[in-house]
Amino acid sequence: MMRKEIPAKSPEAYVEVLSGWRREIVEDLRAATRAAGDPEARIKWGHIVCFSNGPVLLVRAEEARVLFGFWRGKRLRHIEPRLKAGGKYELATMEYREGDTVDTTLAEKLVREAMRLNAEVGDPTESN
């Protein structure tokens, strides 16, 4: 059961309240995202969402996992087969659990490609 939590005011505040392995994973994903071009990060739907010509990616820490998702993730599966499609648009997410580590080179590559797709194809939330 998820507790109803007050959404963080900023991505930094979101990370600040995390601890242990979830914080490490989120910090690594944030560092990779910044290194890949630093799309605008803000809190939306209670977690971190990065925007560049529309939403590009999300980072969501849950009780037992951290989700790393991309609005055009279905188009990124050739780079990372662990991305699982689901939800609206072309959304696909991968999950990290306790004991996992972030391959920051791979994460940067995914973010770069996701930003390129949004630049090329447009905002994924608008019908093309």
N, C-alpha and C. Protein backbone atom coordinates (compact mmCIF):
# COMPACT_ATOMS: atom_id res chain seq x y z
N MET A 1 0.84 -1.19 0.00
CA MET A 1 0.00 0.00 0.00
C MET A 1 0.88 1.25 0.00
N MET A 2 0.59 2.18 -0.89
CA MET A 2 1.38 3.42 -0.95
C MET A 2 0.81 4.44 0.03
N ARG A 3 1.70 5.04 0.77
CA ARG A 3 1.28 6.14 1.64
C ARG A 3 1.08 7.38 0.78
N LYS A 4 0.10 8.17 1.14
CA LYS A 4 -0.11 9.43 0.41
C LYS A 4 0.92 10.41 0.93
N GLU A 5 1.81 10.81 0.06
CA GLU A 5 2.87 11.71 0.47
C GLU A 5 2.70 13.05 -0.21
N ILE A 6 3.15 14.07 0.48
CA ILE A 6 3.11 15.41 -0.10
C ILE A 6 4.22 15.48 -1.14
N PRO A 7 3.90 15.87 -2.38
CA PRO A 7 4.95 15.92 -3.40
C PRO A 7 6.06 16.91 -3.02
N ALA A 8 7.27 16.55 -3.37
CA ALA A 8 8.41 17.43 -3.12
C ALA A 8 8.24 18.71 -3.92
N LYS A 9 8.86 19.78 -3.43
CA LYS A 9 8.76 21.07 -4.10
C LYS A 9 9.68 21.17 -5.30
N SER A 10 10.75 20.36 -5.32
CA SER A 10 11.74 20.44 -6.40
C SER A 10 12.41 19.08 -6.54
N PRO A 11 13.07 18.85 -7.69
CA PRO A 11 13.81 17.59 -7.83
C PRO A 11 14.85 17.39 -6.73
N GLU A 12 15.48 18.48 -6.31
CA GLU A 12 16.49 18.39 -5.24
C GLU A 12 15.83 17.94 -3.93
N ALA A 13 14.67 18.51 -3.64
CA ALA A 13 13.94 18.13 -2.42
C ALA A 13 13.48 16.67 -2.50
N TYR A 14 13.13 16.24 -3.69
CA TYR A 14 12.70 14.85 -3.91
C TYR A 14 13.83 13.89 -3.51
N VAL A 15 15.04 14.19 -3.98
CA VAL A 15 16.20 13.36 -3.70
C VAL A 15 16.55 13.42 -2.21
N GLU A 16 16.42 14.62 -1.65
CA GLU A 16 16.81 14.88 -0.25
C GLU A 16 16.11 13.95 0.74
N VAL A 17 14.85 13.59 0.49
CA VAL A 17 14.11 12.76 1.45
C VAL A 17 14.36 11.27 1.26
N LEU A 18 15.05 10.90 0.19
CA LEU A 18 15.37 9.49 -0.03
C LEU A 18 16.60 9.09 0.77
N SER A 19 16.74 7.78 1.01
CA SER A 19 17.96 7.31 1.69
C SER A 19 18.36 5.97 1.11
N GLY A 20 19.56 5.55 1.46
CA GLY A 20 20.04 4.22 1.08
C GLY A 20 20.14 4.01 -0.42
N TRP A 21 19.86 2.79 -0.84
CA TRP A 21 20.03 2.40 -2.25
C TRP A 21 19.15 3.20 -3.18
N ARG A 22 17.94 3.58 -2.74
CA ARG A 22 17.04 4.35 -3.63
C ARG A 22 17.64 5.73 -3.92
N ARG A 23 18.22 6.34 -2.91
CA ARG A 23 18.84 7.65 -3.11
C ARG A 23 20.04 7.54 -4.06
N GLU A 24 20.86 6.51 -3.85
CA GLU A 24 22.04 6.31 -4.72
C GLU A 24 21.63 6.17 -6.18
N ILE A 25 20.62 5.35 -6.42
CA ILE A 25 20.14 5.13 -7.80
C ILE A 25 19.60 6.43 -8.39
N VAL A 26 18.75 7.13 -7.64
CA VAL A 26 18.16 8.38 -8.14
C VAL A 26 19.26 9.41 -8.40
N GLU A 27 20.24 9.51 -7.50
CA GLU A 27 21.34 10.47 -7.71
C GLU A 27 22.14 10.11 -8.97
N ASP A 28 22.39 8.82 -9.19
CA ASP A 28 23.13 8.40 -10.38
C ASP A 28 22.33 8.70 -11.65
N LEU A 29 21.02 8.44 -11.62
CA LEU A 29 20.17 8.73 -12.79
C LEU A 29 20.12 10.24 -13.06
N ARG A 30 20.04 11.03 -12.00
CA ARG A 30 20.03 12.49 -12.15
C ARG A 30 21.35 12.99 -12.74
N ALA A 31 22.46 12.43 -12.27
CA ALA A 31 23.78 12.83 -12.79
C ALA A 31 23.90 12.47 -14.27
N ALA A 32 23.44 11.28 -14.65
CA ALA A 32 23.49 10.86 -16.05
C ALA A 32 22.60 11.77 -16.90
N THR A 33 21.44 12.13 -16.38
CA THR A 33 20.52 13.00 -17.10
C THR A 33 21.14 14.38 -17.32
N ARG A 34 21.77 14.91 -16.28
CA ARG A 34 22.43 16.22 -16.43
C ARG A 34 23.58 16.13 -17.44
N ALA A 35 24.36 15.07 -17.38
CA ALA A 35 25.50 14.91 -18.29
C ALA A 35 25.06 14.76 -19.74
N ALA A 36 23.85 14.24 -19.95
CA ALA A 36 23.35 13.98 -21.30
C ALA A 36 22.68 15.19 -21.94
N GLY A 37 22.69 16.33 -21.27
CA GLY A 37 22.09 17.51 -21.88
C GLY A 37 21.18 18.27 -20.93
N ASP A 38 20.98 17.73 -19.75
CA ASP A 38 20.26 18.43 -18.70
C ASP A 38 18.88 18.95 -19.11
N PRO A 39 17.97 18.05 -19.52
CA PRO A 39 16.61 18.51 -19.79
C PRO A 39 16.00 19.08 -18.51
N GLU A 40 15.07 20.00 -18.67
CA GLU A 40 14.49 20.69 -17.52
C GLU A 40 13.77 19.71 -16.60
N ALA A 41 14.23 19.62 -15.35
CA ALA A 41 13.65 18.71 -14.37
C ALA A 41 12.67 19.45 -13.50
N ARG A 42 11.50 18.83 -13.29
CA ARG A 42 10.56 19.39 -12.32
C ARG A 42 9.73 18.26 -11.71
N ILE A 43 9.01 18.60 -10.67
CA ILE A 43 8.16 17.60 -10.04
C ILE A 43 6.79 17.65 -10.71
N LYS A 44 6.39 16.51 -11.25
CA LYS A 44 5.07 16.40 -11.87
C LYS A 44 4.55 15.01 -11.54
N TRP A 45 3.29 14.90 -11.21
CA TRP A 45 2.68 13.63 -10.81
C TRP A 45 3.41 13.01 -9.61
N GLY A 46 4.01 13.85 -8.79
CA GLY A 46 4.64 13.38 -7.56
C GLY A 46 6.05 12.84 -7.69
N HIS A 47 6.64 12.91 -8.90
CA HIS A 47 8.01 12.44 -9.05
C HIS A 47 8.75 13.34 -10.04
N ILE A 48 10.02 13.00 -10.31
CA ILE A 48 10.84 13.83 -11.20
C ILE A 48 10.48 13.53 -12.65
N VAL A 49 10.16 14.58 -13.39
CA VAL A 49 9.93 14.46 -14.83
C VAL A 49 10.82 15.48 -15.52
N CYS A 50 11.55 15.06 -16.55
CA CYS A 50 12.42 15.95 -17.30
C CYS A 50 11.80 16.26 -18.65
N PHE A 51 11.88 17.54 -19.03
CA PHE A 51 11.23 18.02 -20.25
C PHE A 51 12.25 18.59 -21.23
N SER A 52 12.03 18.30 -22.49
CA SER A 52 12.77 18.90 -23.60
C SER A 52 11.86 18.70 -24.80
N ASN A 53 11.17 19.75 -25.20
CA ASN A 53 10.14 19.64 -26.24
C ASN A 53 9.10 18.60 -25.82
N GLY A 54 8.56 18.79 -24.62
CA GLY A 54 7.61 17.84 -24.03
C GLY A 54 8.32 16.94 -23.03
N PRO A 55 7.57 16.08 -22.36
CA PRO A 55 8.20 15.19 -21.37
C PRO A 55 9.13 14.18 -22.06
N VAL A 56 10.31 14.00 -21.47
CA VAL A 56 11.31 13.08 -22.01
C VAL A 56 11.40 11.83 -21.14
N LEU A 57 11.54 12.03 -19.83
CA LEU A 57 11.78 10.90 -18.94
C LEU A 57 11.24 11.16 -17.56
N LEU A 58 11.13 10.09 -16.79
CA LEU A 58 10.71 10.19 -15.40
C LEU A 58 11.64 9.35 -14.53
N VAL A 59 11.78 9.80 -13.29
CA VAL A 59 12.50 9.04 -12.27
C VAL A 59 11.56 8.99 -11.07
N ARG A 60 11.16 7.78 -10.69
CA ARG A 60 10.20 7.64 -9.59
C ARG A 60 10.69 6.59 -8.61
N ALA A 61 10.94 7.03 -7.39
CA ALA A 61 11.35 6.11 -6.32
C ALA A 61 10.10 5.58 -5.63
N GLU A 62 10.00 4.27 -5.58
CA GLU A 62 8.90 3.61 -4.88
C GLU A 62 9.50 2.82 -3.72
N GLU A 63 8.64 2.15 -2.98
CA GLU A 63 9.08 1.39 -1.81
C GLU A 63 10.18 0.39 -2.15
N ALA A 64 9.97 -0.43 -3.19
CA ALA A 64 10.88 -1.54 -3.48
C ALA A 64 11.63 -1.40 -4.80
N ARG A 65 11.41 -0.28 -5.50
CA ARG A 65 12.08 -0.11 -6.79
C ARG A 65 12.19 1.37 -7.14
N VAL A 66 13.07 1.65 -8.10
CA VAL A 66 13.15 2.99 -8.70
C VAL A 66 12.87 2.79 -10.18
N LEU A 67 11.91 3.55 -10.70
CA LEU A 67 11.57 3.47 -12.13
C LEU A 67 12.30 4.56 -12.90
N PHE A 68 12.80 4.19 -14.06
CA PHE A 68 13.45 5.10 -14.99
C PHE A 68 12.68 4.91 -16.29
N GLY A 69 11.89 5.90 -16.67
CA GLY A 69 11.01 5.72 -17.82
C GLY A 69 11.17 6.81 -18.86
N PHE A 70 10.81 6.47 -20.08
CA PHE A 70 10.93 7.40 -21.21
C PHE A 70 9.62 7.44 -21.98
N TRP A 71 9.17 8.64 -22.31
CA TRP A 71 7.93 8.79 -23.08
C TRP A 71 8.05 8.14 -24.45
N ARG A 72 9.23 8.15 -25.03
CA ARG A 72 9.43 7.47 -26.32
C ARG A 72 10.26 6.19 -26.11
N GLY A 73 10.08 5.58 -24.96
CA GLY A 73 10.87 4.41 -24.58
C GLY A 73 10.77 3.22 -25.51
N LYS A 74 9.60 3.05 -26.16
CA LYS A 74 9.45 1.92 -27.09
C LYS A 74 10.48 2.03 -28.22
N ARG A 75 10.88 3.26 -28.54
CA ARG A 75 11.86 3.47 -29.61
C ARG A 75 13.30 3.33 -29.09
N LEU A 76 13.45 3.11 -27.81
CA LEU A 76 14.80 3.00 -27.22
C LEU A 76 15.15 1.56 -26.87
N ARG A 77 14.26 0.64 -27.14
CA ARG A 77 14.47 -0.75 -26.72
C ARG A 77 15.63 -1.42 -27.44
N HIS A 78 16.03 -0.90 -28.60
CA HIS A 78 17.22 -1.45 -29.28
C HIS A 78 18.49 -1.10 -28.51
N ILE A 79 18.44 -0.02 -27.71
CA ILE A 79 19.59 0.38 -26.88
C ILE A 79 19.53 -0.37 -25.55
N GLU A 80 18.32 -0.49 -24.98
CA GLU A 80 18.16 -1.13 -23.67
C GLU A 80 16.92 -2.03 -23.68
N PRO A 81 17.13 -3.34 -23.91
CA PRO A 81 15.99 -4.27 -23.99
C PRO A 81 15.20 -4.41 -22.69
N ARG A 82 15.79 -3.98 -21.56
CA ARG A 82 15.05 -4.08 -20.28
C ARG A 82 13.90 -3.07 -20.20
N LEU A 83 13.85 -2.10 -21.11
CA LEU A 83 12.74 -1.15 -21.12
C LEU A 83 11.46 -1.91 -21.46
N LYS A 84 10.48 -1.83 -20.56
CA LYS A 84 9.20 -2.52 -20.75
C LYS A 84 8.14 -1.50 -21.14
N ALA A 85 7.48 -1.76 -22.26
CA ALA A 85 6.44 -0.87 -22.74
C ALA A 85 5.21 -0.96 -21.84
N GLY A 86 4.53 0.15 -21.70
CA GLY A 86 3.29 0.16 -20.93
C GLY A 86 2.78 1.58 -20.78
N GLY A 87 1.49 1.71 -20.59
CA GLY A 87 0.92 3.04 -20.42
C GLY A 87 0.67 3.73 -21.74
N LYS A 88 0.42 5.01 -21.65
CA LYS A 88 0.07 5.78 -22.83
C LYS A 88 1.30 6.15 -23.65
N TYR A 89 1.06 6.67 -24.82
CA TYR A 89 2.12 7.14 -25.71
C TYR A 89 3.03 5.97 -26.05
N GLU A 90 4.32 6.22 -26.08
CA GLU A 90 5.29 5.15 -26.37
C GLU A 90 6.09 4.86 -25.10
N LEU A 91 5.46 5.07 -23.96
CA LEU A 91 6.14 4.95 -22.68
C LEU A 91 6.72 3.55 -22.48
N ALA A 92 7.95 3.54 -21.97
CA ALA A 92 8.58 2.29 -21.55
C ALA A 92 9.47 2.61 -20.36
N THR A 93 9.49 1.72 -19.39
CA THR A 93 10.26 1.95 -18.16
C THR A 93 11.13 0.75 -17.84
N MET A 94 12.18 1.03 -17.10
CA MET A 94 12.99 -0.04 -16.54
C MET A 94 13.06 0.19 -15.04
N GLU A 95 13.29 -0.86 -14.30
CA GLU A 95 13.31 -0.69 -12.86
C GLU A 95 14.63 -1.13 -12.26
N TYR A 96 14.97 -0.44 -11.21
CA TYR A 96 16.14 -0.77 -10.41
C TYR A 96 15.63 -1.21 -9.04
N ARG A 97 16.25 -2.25 -8.51
CA ARG A 97 15.91 -2.74 -7.18
C ARG A 97 17.16 -2.72 -6.31
N GLU A 98 16.96 -2.95 -5.03
CA GLU A 98 18.09 -2.95 -4.10
C GLU A 98 19.18 -3.88 -4.60
N GLY A 99 20.42 -3.40 -4.60
CA GLY A 99 21.54 -4.21 -5.08
C GLY A 99 21.92 -3.90 -6.52
N ASP A 100 21.01 -3.24 -7.27
CA ASP A 100 21.31 -2.86 -8.65
C ASP A 100 22.20 -1.62 -8.67
N THR A 101 22.92 -1.46 -9.76
CA THR A 101 23.70 -0.24 -9.96
C THR A 101 23.29 0.36 -11.30
N VAL A 102 23.55 1.65 -11.44
CA VAL A 102 23.21 2.35 -12.68
C VAL A 102 24.43 2.36 -13.59
N ASP A 103 24.23 1.91 -14.81
CA ASP A 103 25.25 2.05 -15.85
C ASP A 103 25.06 3.46 -16.40
N THR A 104 25.86 4.41 -15.89
CA THR A 104 25.64 5.82 -16.23
C THR A 104 25.89 6.10 -17.71
N THR A 105 26.81 5.37 -18.33
CA THR A 105 27.06 5.55 -19.76
C THR A 105 25.81 5.18 -20.55
N LEU A 106 25.21 4.06 -20.20
CA LEU A 106 23.97 3.62 -20.84
C LEU A 106 22.84 4.62 -20.57
N ALA A 107 22.70 5.05 -19.32
CA ALA A 107 21.64 6.00 -18.96
C ALA A 107 21.79 7.30 -19.76
N GLU A 108 23.01 7.80 -19.88
CA GLU A 108 23.26 9.02 -20.67
C GLU A 108 22.86 8.81 -22.12
N LYS A 109 23.22 7.65 -22.68
CA LYS A 109 22.90 7.34 -24.07
C LYS A 109 21.37 7.34 -24.28
N LEU A 110 20.64 6.73 -23.33
CA LEU A 110 19.18 6.70 -23.41
C LEU A 110 18.60 8.12 -23.35
N VAL A 111 19.10 8.92 -22.44
CA VAL A 111 18.58 10.29 -22.28
C VAL A 111 18.87 11.10 -23.55
N ARG A 112 20.08 11.01 -24.06
CA ARG A 112 20.44 11.74 -25.28
C ARG A 112 19.52 11.37 -26.44
N GLU A 113 19.31 10.07 -26.61
CA GLU A 113 18.47 9.59 -27.71
C GLU A 113 17.01 10.01 -27.50
N ALA A 114 16.53 9.96 -26.27
CA ALA A 114 15.15 10.37 -25.97
C ALA A 114 14.95 11.86 -26.27
N MET A 115 15.95 12.68 -25.93
CA MET A 115 15.87 14.11 -26.22
C MET A 115 15.92 14.36 -27.73
N ARG A 116 16.76 13.59 -28.43
CA ARG A 116 16.86 13.73 -29.88
C ARG A 116 15.52 13.39 -30.54
N LEU A 117 14.89 12.31 -30.07
CA LEU A 117 13.59 11.91 -30.62
C LEU A 117 12.54 13.00 -30.41
N ASN A 118 12.51 13.60 -29.21
CA ASN A 118 11.55 14.67 -28.97
C ASN A 118 11.83 15.87 -29.87
N ALA A 119 13.10 16.15 -30.11
CA ALA A 119 13.46 17.28 -30.99
C ALA A 119 13.02 16.98 -32.42
N GLU A 120 13.18 15.73 -32.83
CA GLU A 120 12.89 15.33 -34.20
C GLU A 120 11.40 15.09 -34.44
N VAL A 121 10.76 14.36 -33.52
CA VAL A 121 9.39 13.91 -33.72
C VAL A 121 8.37 14.85 -33.07
N GLY A 122 8.81 15.59 -32.04
CA GLY A 122 7.90 16.52 -31.36
C GLY A 122 7.50 16.02 -29.98
N ASP A 123 6.67 16.80 -29.33
CA ASP A 123 6.18 16.50 -27.99
C ASP A 123 5.40 15.18 -28.04
N PRO A 124 5.83 14.18 -27.25
CA PRO A 124 5.16 12.87 -27.32
C PRO A 124 3.73 12.89 -26.82
N THR A 125 3.32 13.94 -26.12
CA THR A 125 1.95 13.97 -25.59
C THR A 125 0.99 14.63 -26.59
N GLU A 126 1.50 15.12 -27.70
CA GLU A 126 0.64 15.71 -28.73
C GLU A 126 0.53 14.73 -29.89
N SER A 127 -0.66 14.54 -30.39
CA SER A 127 -0.83 13.57 -31.48
C SER A 127 -0.19 14.14 -32.75
N ASN A 128 0.57 13.30 -33.40
CA ASN A 128 1.28 13.73 -34.60
C ASN A 128 0.53 13.33 -35.86
